[in-house]
Protein backbone atom coordinates (compact mmCIF):
# COMPACT_ATOMS: atom_id res chain seq x y z
CA UNK A 1 -7.81 -22.57 -20.06
CA UNK A 2 -4.05 -22.46 -20.56
CA UNK A 3 -1.69 -20.78 -18.10
CA UNK A 4 -1.11 -17.78 -20.37
CA UNK A 5 -4.83 -17.09 -20.69
CA UNK A 6 -5.31 -17.37 -16.95
CA UNK A 7 -2.46 -14.94 -16.35
CA UNK A 8 -3.99 -12.38 -18.70
CA UNK A 9 -7.30 -12.63 -16.82
CA UNK A 10 -5.50 -12.13 -13.51
CA UNK A 11 -3.66 -9.08 -14.86
CA UNK A 12 -6.93 -7.50 -15.98
CA UNK A 13 -8.72 -8.40 -12.74
CA UNK A 14 -6.01 -7.09 -10.44
CA UNK A 15 -5.45 -3.98 -12.57
CA UNK A 16 -9.11 -3.09 -12.03
CA UNK A 17 -8.82 -3.84 -8.30
CA UNK A 18 -5.67 -1.72 -7.92
CA UNK A 19 -7.34 1.14 -9.80
CA UNK A 20 -10.50 0.91 -7.68
CA UNK A 21 -8.59 0.76 -4.39
CA UNK A 22 -6.39 3.69 -5.43
CA UNK A 23 -9.28 6.05 -6.21
CA UNK A 24 -11.56 4.81 -3.39
CA UNK A 25 -9.79 7.02 -0.84
CA UNK A 26 -7.47 9.83 -1.88
CA UNK A 27 -6.05 12.09 0.82
CA UNK A 28 -4.32 14.98 -0.87
CA UNK A 29 -0.89 16.00 0.43
CA UNK A 30 -0.43 19.75 -0.23
CA UNK A 31 3.33 19.73 0.44
CA UNK A 32 4.16 17.49 -2.54
CA UNK A 33 0.91 17.46 -4.50
CA UNK A 34 0.63 13.70 -4.05
CA UNK A 35 -1.96 11.67 -2.18
CA UNK A 36 -2.43 8.82 0.26
CA UNK A 37 -4.38 5.84 -1.10
CA UNK A 38 -5.18 2.18 -0.49
CA UNK A 39 -3.81 0.75 -3.75
CA UNK A 40 -1.00 -1.18 -2.04
CA UNK A 41 -3.58 -3.57 -0.57
CA UNK A 42 -4.52 -5.01 -3.97
CA UNK A 43 -0.89 -5.10 -5.15
CA UNK A 44 0.02 -7.15 -2.09
CA UNK A 45 -2.91 -9.52 -2.52
CA UNK A 46 -1.85 -10.05 -6.14
CA UNK A 47 1.76 -10.70 -5.06
CA UNK A 48 0.73 -13.43 -2.62
CA UNK A 49 -2.07 -15.05 -4.61
CA UNK A 50 -0.76 -14.74 -8.18
CA UNK A 51 2.58 -14.28 -9.97
CA UNK A 52 5.23 -11.53 -9.78
CA UNK A 53 4.37 -10.41 -13.32
CA UNK A 54 0.67 -10.11 -12.50
CA UNK A 55 1.39 -8.10 -9.35
CA UNK A 56 3.87 -5.87 -11.18
CA UNK A 57 1.75 -5.09 -14.22
CA UNK A 58 -1.47 -4.69 -12.24
CA UNK A 59 0.27 -2.41 -9.75
CA UNK A 60 1.97 -0.24 -12.34
CA UNK A 61 -0.89 0.05 -14.83
CA UNK A 62 -3.74 0.25 -12.31
CA UNK A 63 -2.10 2.93 -10.17
CA UNK A 64 -0.86 4.96 -13.16
CA UNK A 65 -4.37 4.99 -14.63
CA UNK A 66 -5.63 6.25 -11.28
CA UNK A 67 -3.12 9.11 -11.40
CA UNK A 68 -4.12 9.99 -14.95
CA UNK A 69 -7.85 9.95 -14.29
CA UNK A 70 -7.96 11.82 -10.97
CA UNK A 71 -5.80 14.86 -11.58
CA UNK A 72 -2.36 13.53 -10.62
CA UNK A 73 -0.97 12.94 -14.12
CA UNK A 74 2.45 14.35 -13.19
CA UNK A 75 3.01 11.23 -11.05
CA UNK A 76 1.79 8.69 -13.64
CA UNK A 77 5.16 7.94 -15.35
CA UNK A 78 6.87 7.39 -12.02
CA UNK A 79 3.93 5.41 -10.67
CA UNK A 80 3.98 3.06 -13.65
CA UNK A 81 7.60 2.10 -12.95
CA UNK A 82 7.62 2.31 -9.15
CA UNK A 83 4.46 0.30 -8.59
CA UNK A 84 5.55 -2.28 -11.18
CA UNK A 85 8.81 -2.77 -9.27
CA UNK A 86 6.94 -2.93 -5.96
CA UNK A 87 4.52 -5.61 -7.16
CA UNK A 88 7.12 -7.63 -9.04
CA UNK A 89 9.63 -7.64 -6.16
CA UNK A 90 6.87 -8.48 -3.67
CA UNK A 91 5.83 -11.44 -5.81
CA UNK A 92 9.38 -12.76 -6.11
CA UNK A 93 10.18 -12.33 -2.40
CA UNK A 94 6.92 -13.95 -1.32
CA UNK A 95 7.89 -17.11 -3.19
CA UNK A 96 11.39 -17.11 -1.70
CA UNK A 97 10.58 -16.15 1.89
CA UNK A 98 7.17 -17.81 2.29
CA UNK A 99 8.51 -20.60 4.53
CA UNK A 100 10.21 -18.27 7.01
CA UNK A 101 7.91 -18.70 9.98
CA UNK A 102 7.82 -19.75 13.62
CA UNK A 103 5.91 -18.93 16.80
CA UNK A 104 8.63 -16.50 17.89
CA UNK A 105 8.67 -14.81 14.47
CA UNK A 106 4.86 -14.50 14.60
CA UNK A 107 5.09 -12.63 17.90
CA UNK A 108 7.93 -10.39 16.72
CA UNK A 109 6.32 -9.68 13.35
CA UNK A 110 2.93 -8.74 14.82
CA UNK A 111 4.64 -6.61 17.49
CA UNK A 112 6.81 -4.73 15.00
CA UNK A 113 3.82 -4.24 12.71
CA UNK A 114 1.66 -2.80 15.52
CA UNK A 115 4.43 -0.48 16.75
CA UNK A 116 5.14 0.71 13.20
CA UNK A 117 1.45 1.44 12.66
CA UNK A 118 1.31 3.43 15.89
CA UNK A 119 4.48 5.36 15.09
CA UNK A 120 3.27 6.41 11.64
CA UNK A 121 -0.38 7.07 12.51
CA UNK A 122 0.17 9.05 15.70
CA UNK A 123 2.91 11.26 14.27
CA UNK A 124 1.35 11.80 10.85
CA UNK A 125 -2.41 11.88 11.33
CA UNK A 126 -3.14 12.86 14.92
CA UNK A 127 -3.35 16.48 13.83
CA UNK A 128 -5.24 17.82 10.83
CA UNK A 129 -6.05 15.10 8.35
CA UNK A 130 -6.83 16.54 4.92
CA UNK A 131 -9.71 14.74 3.24
CA UNK A 132 -10.24 15.77 -0.34
CA UNK A 133 -11.89 13.86 -3.18
CA UNK A 134 -13.00 17.33 -4.35
CA UNK A 135 -9.79 17.46 -6.40
CA UNK A 136 -11.42 15.21 -8.97
CA UNK A 137 -15.10 15.00 -7.92
CA UNK A 138 -15.49 18.78 -7.63
CA UNK A 139 -16.75 18.46 -4.05
CA UNK A 140 -16.22 21.12 -1.40
CA UNK A 141 -16.20 20.21 2.28
CA UNK A 142 -17.08 22.79 4.93
CA UNK A 143 -14.73 20.91 7.30
CA UNK A 144 -11.73 19.84 5.16
CA UNK A 145 -9.78 18.67 8.19
CA UNK A 146 -10.61 15.74 10.45
CA UNK A 147 -9.08 15.47 13.92
CA UNK A 148 -8.21 11.93 15.04
CA UNK A 149 -7.02 11.57 18.64
CA UNK A 150 -3.95 9.56 19.59
CA UNK A 151 -6.14 7.32 21.77
CA UNK A 152 -8.10 6.21 18.70
CA UNK A 153 -4.92 5.32 16.80
CA UNK A 154 -3.56 3.42 19.81
CA UNK A 155 -6.78 1.41 20.04
CA UNK A 156 -6.65 0.64 16.31
CA UNK A 157 -2.96 -0.30 16.55
CA UNK A 158 -3.59 -2.73 19.42
CA UNK A 159 -6.50 -4.30 17.54
CA UNK A 160 -4.50 -4.67 14.32
CA UNK A 161 -1.51 -6.09 16.19
CA UNK A 162 -3.73 -8.69 17.86
CA UNK A 163 -5.40 -9.56 14.56
CA UNK A 164 -2.00 -9.92 12.89
CA UNK A 165 -0.81 -12.25 15.65
CA UNK A 166 -3.90 -14.49 15.30
CA UNK A 167 -3.49 -14.68 11.53
CA UNK A 168 0.24 -15.40 11.81
CA UNK A 169 -0.20 -17.91 14.64
CA UNK A 170 -2.69 -19.90 12.56
CA UNK A 171 -0.30 -19.70 9.58
CA UNK A 172 -2.91 -18.20 7.29
CA UNK A 173 -0.09 -15.88 6.29
CA UNK A 174 3.57 -16.27 7.21
CA UNK A 175 6.11 -13.90 8.71
CA UNK A 176 8.20 -14.29 5.56
CA UNK A 177 5.32 -13.03 3.43
CA UNK A 178 4.91 -9.97 5.65
CA UNK A 179 8.65 -9.28 5.38
CA UNK A 180 8.37 -9.57 1.59
CA UNK A 181 5.56 -7.02 1.37
CA UNK A 182 7.38 -4.66 3.73
CA UNK A 183 10.61 -4.82 1.69
CA UNK A 184 8.73 -4.18 -1.55
CA UNK A 185 6.87 -1.34 0.15
CA UNK A 186 10.17 0.21 1.25
CA UNK A 187 11.28 0.22 -2.39
CA UNK A 188 8.07 2.08 -3.27
CA UNK A 189 8.76 4.69 -0.58
CA UNK A 190 12.32 5.16 -1.85
CA UNK A 191 11.17 5.31 -5.47
CA UNK A 192 8.68 8.09 -4.85
CA UNK A 193 11.22 10.06 -2.82
CA UNK A 194 13.63 10.12 -5.77
CA UNK A 195 10.86 10.79 -8.30
CA UNK A 196 9.52 13.72 -6.30
CA UNK A 197 12.99 15.07 -5.50
CA UNK A 198 14.30 15.02 -9.06
CA UNK A 199 11.17 15.25 -11.23
CA UNK A 200 7.70 16.08 -9.88
CA UNK A 201 8.61 18.70 -7.27
CA UNK A 202 10.88 20.73 -9.62
CA UNK A 203 8.25 20.54 -12.38
CA UNK A 204 5.59 21.84 -9.98
CA UNK A 205 7.85 24.59 -8.65
CA UNK A 206 8.12 22.91 -5.25
CA UNK A 207 11.19 22.56 -3.08
CA UNK A 208 12.87 19.21 -3.94
CA UNK A 209 13.43 18.40 -0.26
CA UNK A 210 9.67 18.59 0.26
CA UNK A 211 9.81 14.99 -0.95
CA UNK A 212 10.81 14.12 2.62
CA UNK A 213 7.27 14.96 3.72
CA UNK A 214 5.90 12.19 1.53
CA UNK A 215 7.97 9.45 3.21
CA UNK A 216 5.70 8.97 6.25
CA UNK A 217 2.65 9.18 3.98
CA UNK A 218 3.96 6.39 1.77
CA UNK A 219 4.98 4.36 4.81
CA UNK A 220 1.37 4.74 5.88
CA UNK A 221 0.30 3.32 2.53
CA UNK A 222 2.51 0.27 3.07
CA UNK A 223 1.06 -0.34 6.52
CA UNK A 224 -2.50 0.21 5.28
CA UNK A 225 -1.83 -2.19 2.41
CA UNK A 226 -0.59 -4.87 4.77
CA UNK A 227 -3.48 -4.22 7.18
CA UNK A 228 -6.07 -4.77 4.45
CA UNK A 229 -4.35 -7.57 2.57
CA UNK A 230 -3.58 -9.76 5.61
CA UNK A 231 -7.17 -10.70 6.53
CA UNK A 232 -8.16 -11.01 2.86
CA UNK A 233 -5.30 -13.41 2.14
CA UNK A 234 -6.09 -15.31 5.35
CA UNK A 235 -9.72 -15.70 4.27
CA UNK A 236 -8.70 -16.87 0.78
CA UNK A 237 -6.32 -19.45 2.28
CA UNK A 238 -8.86 -20.69 4.80
CA UNK A 239 -11.43 -21.02 2.01
CA UNK A 240 -8.94 -22.99 -0.08
CA UNK A 241 -8.66 -20.47 -2.91
CA UNK A 242 -4.93 -19.92 -2.31
CA UNK A 243 -2.20 -22.42 -1.44
């Protein structure tokens, strides 16, 4: 099969994966009307294992389709552009920064990652965590809020930091690749802030500055995406499926 045909297959495959990951877990955010999801994980895997165009198109189309089909259509136009940029930039940076790696960088990267996870999780989700697929599945939960203690998040953060260090130390994924995904994720966070401030919040009759409340949520998506994609990419490399 020629390169063009293979790329089309990858676009279709990763679009489906992004869509599935995005609707698999949707935590509704009442302040902005948006939701937390796991779609970044598949965008990041596509960025590392395929091409920038594949990651961009799969991210934009897959996530926008998820918005359209689960009751968040107001975000779909922004999602199409923002997630395309996120995937495309991640793919480009991964190629450029892949070789940035050393033992010291592995320690620093895993440490920063663990601390970032702890900072976001303990400040954002230690209180009431809204769980709500009922927005599109018509479910109703008797207990719509789930309490997660700080101790649990600390334990998860330590585990993830240790796992990240092992993966980085064995060079199954490099520090430069983690930096690339984080930079692309930061662009996603910034993109949604501007979209919500200028477009979605005013259209929904919400305070534009409520977009600030979505920043930690989207940072959580970046960290969740890295957390899921790291071991998957490591497994693919160890198995010889990815260079």
